[in-house]
Amino acid sequence: MATTSQKKASTTHRRRAVARGLVRVEVQAAKGDTGLIRALAETLRGDPERAKSLRSTLEQVLIDPEVKTAFDVFGSDLPDEAFAGVFDQPRQKGWREVEL
């Protein structure tokens, strides 16, 4: 159990973060990506110039309003290496029986 002073400190910290426009986000990721995600969050939170550039780059890479279907992705100009190993994975379950 937290003491009264610990609860008050946490409440004050959260109130200040909200006043600064920050929200808490929980992310589950691979252990190896921990440093990258922390560096990403730190840059977005603390360095306005680098954050602007980073946001722009991430939006271009991750948010493409023109891509609407799987055909758009697979018919894109991405190099073949981008899809390496995607279709080579074995089925997780056996084949289903087909009745004739």
N, C-alpha and C. Protein backbone atom coordinates (compact mmCIF):
# COMPACT_ATOMS: atom_id res chain seq x y z
N MET A 1 0.83 -1.18 0.00
CA MET A 1 0.00 0.00 0.00
C MET A 1 0.88 1.25 0.00
N ALA A 2 0.45 2.21 -0.72
CA ALA A 2 1.18 3.47 -0.79
C ALA A 2 0.78 4.35 0.39
N THR A 3 1.74 5.12 0.84
CA THR A 3 1.45 6.05 1.93
C THR A 3 0.71 7.26 1.38
N THR A 4 0.17 8.07 2.28
CA THR A 4 -0.56 9.27 1.87
C THR A 4 0.32 10.20 1.04
N SER A 5 1.56 10.36 1.46
CA SER A 5 2.47 11.25 0.71
C SER A 5 2.79 10.70 -0.67
N GLN A 6 2.90 9.37 -0.81
CA GLN A 6 3.15 8.76 -2.11
C GLN A 6 1.95 8.95 -3.05
N LYS A 7 0.75 8.78 -2.50
CA LYS A 7 -0.47 8.98 -3.28
C LYS A 7 -0.57 10.43 -3.75
N LYS A 8 -0.26 11.35 -2.85
CA LYS A 8 -0.33 12.77 -3.18
C LYS A 8 0.70 13.11 -4.26
N ALA A 9 1.90 12.57 -4.15
CA ALA A 9 2.95 12.82 -5.15
C ALA A 9 2.54 12.29 -6.52
N SER A 10 1.95 11.09 -6.54
CA SER A 10 1.50 10.52 -7.81
C SER A 10 0.38 11.34 -8.43
N THR A 11 -0.55 11.76 -7.61
CA THR A 11 -1.66 12.58 -8.08
C THR A 11 -1.16 13.91 -8.64
N THR A 12 -0.24 14.53 -7.94
CA THR A 12 0.32 15.80 -8.39
C THR A 12 1.07 15.62 -9.71
N HIS A 13 1.87 14.57 -9.80
CA HIS A 13 2.62 14.28 -11.02
C HIS A 13 1.67 14.09 -12.20
N ARG A 14 0.62 13.32 -12.03
CA ARG A 14 -0.35 13.08 -13.10
C ARG A 14 -1.07 14.35 -13.50
N ARG A 15 -1.43 15.17 -12.52
CA ARG A 15 -2.12 16.44 -12.80
C ARG A 15 -1.23 17.36 -13.63
N ARG A 16 0.06 17.43 -13.29
CA ARG A 16 1.00 18.27 -14.05
C ARG A 16 1.16 17.75 -15.49
N ALA A 17 1.23 16.43 -15.65
CA ALA A 17 1.37 15.84 -16.98
C ALA A 17 0.16 16.17 -17.84
N VAL A 18 -1.02 16.06 -17.27
CA VAL A 18 -2.25 16.38 -18.01
C VAL A 18 -2.25 17.86 -18.39
N ALA A 19 -1.81 18.72 -17.49
CA ALA A 19 -1.76 20.16 -17.76
C ALA A 19 -0.80 20.46 -18.92
N ARG A 20 0.23 19.64 -19.07
CA ARG A 20 1.19 19.81 -20.17
C ARG A 20 0.72 19.15 -21.46
N GLY A 21 -0.46 18.53 -21.43
CA GLY A 21 -1.00 17.89 -22.62
C GLY A 21 -0.50 16.48 -22.85
N LEU A 22 0.06 15.85 -21.84
CA LEU A 22 0.58 14.49 -21.98
C LEU A 22 -0.45 13.47 -21.55
N VAL A 23 -0.40 12.31 -22.16
CA VAL A 23 -1.23 11.18 -21.76
C VAL A 23 -0.33 9.98 -21.56
N ARG A 24 -0.76 9.05 -20.76
CA ARG A 24 0.01 7.83 -20.50
C ARG A 24 -0.40 6.79 -21.53
N VAL A 25 0.59 6.15 -22.14
CA VAL A 25 0.33 5.13 -23.15
C VAL A 25 1.10 3.88 -22.76
N GLU A 26 0.42 2.75 -22.78
CA GLU A 26 1.07 1.48 -22.48
C GLU A 26 1.24 0.72 -23.78
N VAL A 27 2.43 0.20 -24.00
CA VAL A 27 2.73 -0.50 -25.24
C VAL A 27 3.36 -1.84 -24.92
N GLN A 28 2.94 -2.87 -25.62
CA GLN A 28 3.59 -4.16 -25.49
C GLN A 28 4.42 -4.36 -26.75
N ALA A 29 5.70 -4.66 -26.55
CA ALA A 29 6.60 -4.80 -27.68
C ALA A 29 7.66 -5.84 -27.36
N ALA A 30 8.38 -6.22 -28.38
CA ALA A 30 9.48 -7.16 -28.19
C ALA A 30 10.55 -6.52 -27.31
N LYS A 31 11.20 -7.35 -26.52
CA LYS A 31 12.21 -6.86 -25.58
C LYS A 31 13.30 -6.05 -26.28
N GLY A 32 13.68 -6.46 -27.46
CA GLY A 32 14.73 -5.78 -28.20
C GLY A 32 14.35 -4.38 -28.67
N ASP A 33 13.04 -4.09 -28.72
CA ASP A 33 12.58 -2.78 -29.18
C ASP A 33 12.42 -1.78 -28.05
N THR A 34 12.67 -2.18 -26.83
CA THR A 34 12.47 -1.32 -25.67
C THR A 34 13.21 0.00 -25.79
N GLY A 35 14.50 -0.05 -26.07
CA GLY A 35 15.30 1.17 -26.17
C GLY A 35 14.80 2.08 -27.28
N LEU A 36 14.44 1.49 -28.41
CA LEU A 36 13.94 2.26 -29.54
C LEU A 36 12.65 2.99 -29.19
N ILE A 37 11.72 2.28 -28.54
CA ILE A 37 10.44 2.88 -28.19
C ILE A 37 10.62 3.97 -27.15
N ARG A 38 11.50 3.75 -26.20
CA ARG A 38 11.77 4.79 -25.20
C ARG A 38 12.40 6.03 -25.83
N ALA A 39 13.33 5.83 -26.75
CA ALA A 39 13.97 6.96 -27.44
C ALA A 39 12.95 7.70 -28.30
N LEU A 40 12.06 6.97 -28.93
CA LEU A 40 11.00 7.56 -29.73
C LEU A 40 10.10 8.44 -28.86
N ALA A 41 9.66 7.88 -27.73
CA ALA A 41 8.78 8.63 -26.82
C ALA A 41 9.49 9.86 -26.27
N GLU A 42 10.76 9.71 -25.91
CA GLU A 42 11.52 10.84 -25.36
C GLU A 42 11.66 11.96 -26.39
N THR A 43 11.92 11.59 -27.63
CA THR A 43 12.06 12.59 -28.68
C THR A 43 10.73 13.30 -28.94
N LEU A 44 9.65 12.55 -29.04
CA LEU A 44 8.33 13.15 -29.28
C LEU A 44 7.91 14.05 -28.13
N ARG A 45 8.31 13.70 -26.93
CA ARG A 45 7.90 14.44 -25.74
C ARG A 45 8.77 15.67 -25.50
N GLY A 46 10.06 15.60 -25.83
CA GLY A 46 10.94 16.63 -25.34
C GLY A 46 11.68 17.51 -26.32
N ASP A 47 11.77 17.12 -27.59
CA ASP A 47 12.57 17.88 -28.54
C ASP A 47 11.69 18.30 -29.71
N PRO A 48 11.12 19.51 -29.66
CA PRO A 48 10.12 19.93 -30.66
C PRO A 48 10.59 19.84 -32.13
N GLU A 49 11.81 20.26 -32.41
CA GLU A 49 12.29 20.23 -33.80
C GLU A 49 12.46 18.80 -34.31
N ARG A 50 13.14 17.99 -33.53
CA ARG A 50 13.33 16.59 -33.94
C ARG A 50 12.00 15.85 -33.95
N ALA A 51 11.11 16.20 -33.01
CA ALA A 51 9.79 15.55 -32.95
C ALA A 51 8.99 15.84 -34.22
N LYS A 52 9.07 17.06 -34.71
CA LYS A 52 8.34 17.42 -35.92
C LYS A 52 8.83 16.60 -37.11
N SER A 53 10.14 16.48 -37.24
CA SER A 53 10.73 15.69 -38.32
C SER A 53 10.38 14.22 -38.17
N LEU A 54 10.46 13.71 -36.94
CA LEU A 54 10.15 12.30 -36.67
C LEU A 54 8.69 12.00 -36.98
N ARG A 55 7.78 12.87 -36.55
CA ARG A 55 6.35 12.68 -36.84
C ARG A 55 6.10 12.62 -38.34
N SER A 56 6.72 13.55 -39.05
CA SER A 56 6.55 13.60 -40.50
C SER A 56 7.02 12.30 -41.15
N THR A 57 8.18 11.83 -40.76
CA THR A 57 8.72 10.59 -41.32
C THR A 57 7.83 9.40 -40.98
N LEU A 58 7.42 9.30 -39.72
CA LEU A 58 6.57 8.17 -39.31
C LEU A 58 5.22 8.20 -40.03
N GLU A 59 4.65 9.38 -40.19
CA GLU A 59 3.37 9.47 -40.90
C GLU A 59 3.50 9.03 -42.35
N GLN A 60 4.60 9.41 -43.00
CA GLN A 60 4.80 9.01 -44.39
C GLN A 60 4.97 7.50 -44.51
N VAL A 61 5.65 6.91 -43.54
CA VAL A 61 5.92 5.48 -43.61
C VAL A 61 4.72 4.65 -43.16
N LEU A 62 4.06 5.08 -42.08
CA LEU A 62 3.02 4.25 -41.48
C LEU A 62 1.60 4.59 -41.89
N ILE A 63 1.37 5.82 -42.22
CA ILE A 63 -0.01 6.24 -42.52
C ILE A 63 -0.07 6.67 -43.98
N ASP A 64 -0.55 5.78 -44.82
CA ASP A 64 -0.65 6.08 -46.25
C ASP A 64 -2.13 5.98 -46.64
N PRO A 65 -2.81 7.12 -46.78
CA PRO A 65 -4.25 7.08 -47.06
C PRO A 65 -4.60 6.45 -48.41
N GLU A 66 -3.63 6.34 -49.31
CA GLU A 66 -3.92 5.75 -50.61
C GLU A 66 -3.96 4.23 -50.57
N VAL A 67 -3.34 3.61 -49.57
CA VAL A 67 -3.34 2.16 -49.47
C VAL A 67 -4.61 1.72 -48.76
N LYS A 68 -5.46 1.01 -49.50
CA LYS A 68 -6.75 0.61 -48.93
C LYS A 68 -6.96 -0.90 -48.89
N THR A 69 -6.27 -1.63 -49.73
CA THR A 69 -6.46 -3.07 -49.79
C THR A 69 -5.12 -3.79 -49.79
N ALA A 70 -5.18 -5.10 -49.61
CA ALA A 70 -3.95 -5.90 -49.67
C ALA A 70 -3.34 -5.82 -51.06
N PHE A 71 -4.18 -5.72 -52.08
CA PHE A 71 -3.66 -5.59 -53.44
C PHE A 71 -2.83 -4.32 -53.59
N ASP A 72 -3.29 -3.23 -52.96
CA ASP A 72 -2.53 -1.98 -53.02
C ASP A 72 -1.15 -2.14 -52.40
N VAL A 73 -1.06 -2.91 -51.32
CA VAL A 73 0.22 -3.13 -50.66
C VAL A 73 1.11 -4.02 -51.50
N PHE A 74 0.56 -5.17 -51.93
CA PHE A 74 1.37 -6.13 -52.67
C PHE A 74 1.64 -5.67 -54.10
N GLY A 75 0.82 -4.78 -54.62
CA GLY A 75 1.04 -4.23 -55.95
C GLY A 75 1.84 -2.95 -55.90
N SER A 76 2.36 -2.61 -54.74
CA SER A 76 3.10 -1.36 -54.58
C SER A 76 4.51 -1.46 -55.13
N ASP A 77 5.24 -0.38 -55.00
CA ASP A 77 6.62 -0.33 -55.47
C ASP A 77 7.62 -0.80 -54.43
N LEU A 78 7.14 -1.46 -53.38
CA LEU A 78 8.07 -1.97 -52.36
C LEU A 78 8.96 -3.03 -52.98
N PRO A 79 10.22 -3.07 -52.55
CA PRO A 79 11.11 -4.11 -53.08
C PRO A 79 10.68 -5.49 -52.58
N ASP A 80 11.05 -6.52 -53.31
CA ASP A 80 10.69 -7.89 -52.94
C ASP A 80 11.18 -8.26 -51.54
N GLU A 81 12.31 -7.66 -51.12
CA GLU A 81 12.86 -7.97 -49.81
C GLU A 81 11.89 -7.60 -48.67
N ALA A 82 11.01 -6.66 -48.92
CA ALA A 82 10.06 -6.25 -47.89
C ALA A 82 9.11 -7.39 -47.53
N PHE A 83 8.93 -8.34 -48.44
CA PHE A 83 8.00 -9.44 -48.21
C PHE A 83 8.72 -10.76 -47.94
N ALA A 84 10.04 -10.71 -47.80
CA ALA A 84 10.82 -11.92 -47.58
C ALA A 84 10.38 -12.62 -46.30
N GLY A 85 10.09 -13.89 -46.39
CA GLY A 85 9.72 -14.67 -45.22
C GLY A 85 8.25 -14.60 -44.85
N VAL A 86 7.50 -13.69 -45.45
CA VAL A 86 6.09 -13.54 -45.08
C VAL A 86 5.29 -14.76 -45.50
N PHE A 87 5.52 -15.26 -46.70
CA PHE A 87 4.72 -16.36 -47.21
C PHE A 87 5.38 -17.72 -47.01
N ASP A 88 6.55 -17.73 -46.41
CA ASP A 88 7.26 -18.98 -46.20
C ASP A 88 6.91 -19.66 -44.88
N GLN A 89 6.03 -19.06 -44.11
CA GLN A 89 5.70 -19.61 -42.80
C GLN A 89 4.77 -20.81 -42.94
N PRO A 90 5.02 -21.87 -42.16
CA PRO A 90 4.16 -23.06 -42.26
C PRO A 90 2.78 -22.80 -41.65
N ARG A 91 1.81 -23.59 -42.07
CA ARG A 91 0.47 -23.47 -41.49
C ARG A 91 0.53 -23.86 -40.02
N GLN A 92 -0.24 -23.15 -39.21
CA GLN A 92 -0.25 -23.45 -37.79
C GLN A 92 -1.11 -24.67 -37.48
N LYS A 93 -2.07 -24.96 -38.32
CA LYS A 93 -2.94 -26.11 -38.13
C LYS A 93 -2.94 -26.92 -39.42
N GLY A 94 -3.44 -28.13 -39.32
CA GLY A 94 -3.49 -28.99 -40.50
C GLY A 94 -4.49 -28.49 -41.51
N TRP A 95 -4.41 -29.09 -42.69
CA TRP A 95 -5.35 -28.73 -43.75
C TRP A 95 -6.74 -29.23 -43.39
N ARG A 96 -7.73 -28.53 -43.80
CA ARG A 96 -9.09 -28.96 -43.48
C ARG A 96 -9.55 -29.97 -44.53
N GLU A 97 -10.41 -30.88 -44.10
CA GLU A 97 -10.94 -31.91 -44.98
C GLU A 97 -12.02 -31.29 -45.86
N VAL A 98 -12.00 -31.66 -47.14
CA VAL A 98 -13.00 -31.18 -48.07
C VAL A 98 -13.86 -32.37 -48.47
N GLU A 99 -15.17 -32.23 -48.29
CA GLU A 99 -16.10 -33.31 -48.67
C GLU A 99 -16.55 -33.09 -50.10
N LEU A 100 -16.51 -34.14 -50.89
CA LEU A 100 -16.96 -34.06 -52.29
C LEU A 100 -18.32 -34.63 -52.46
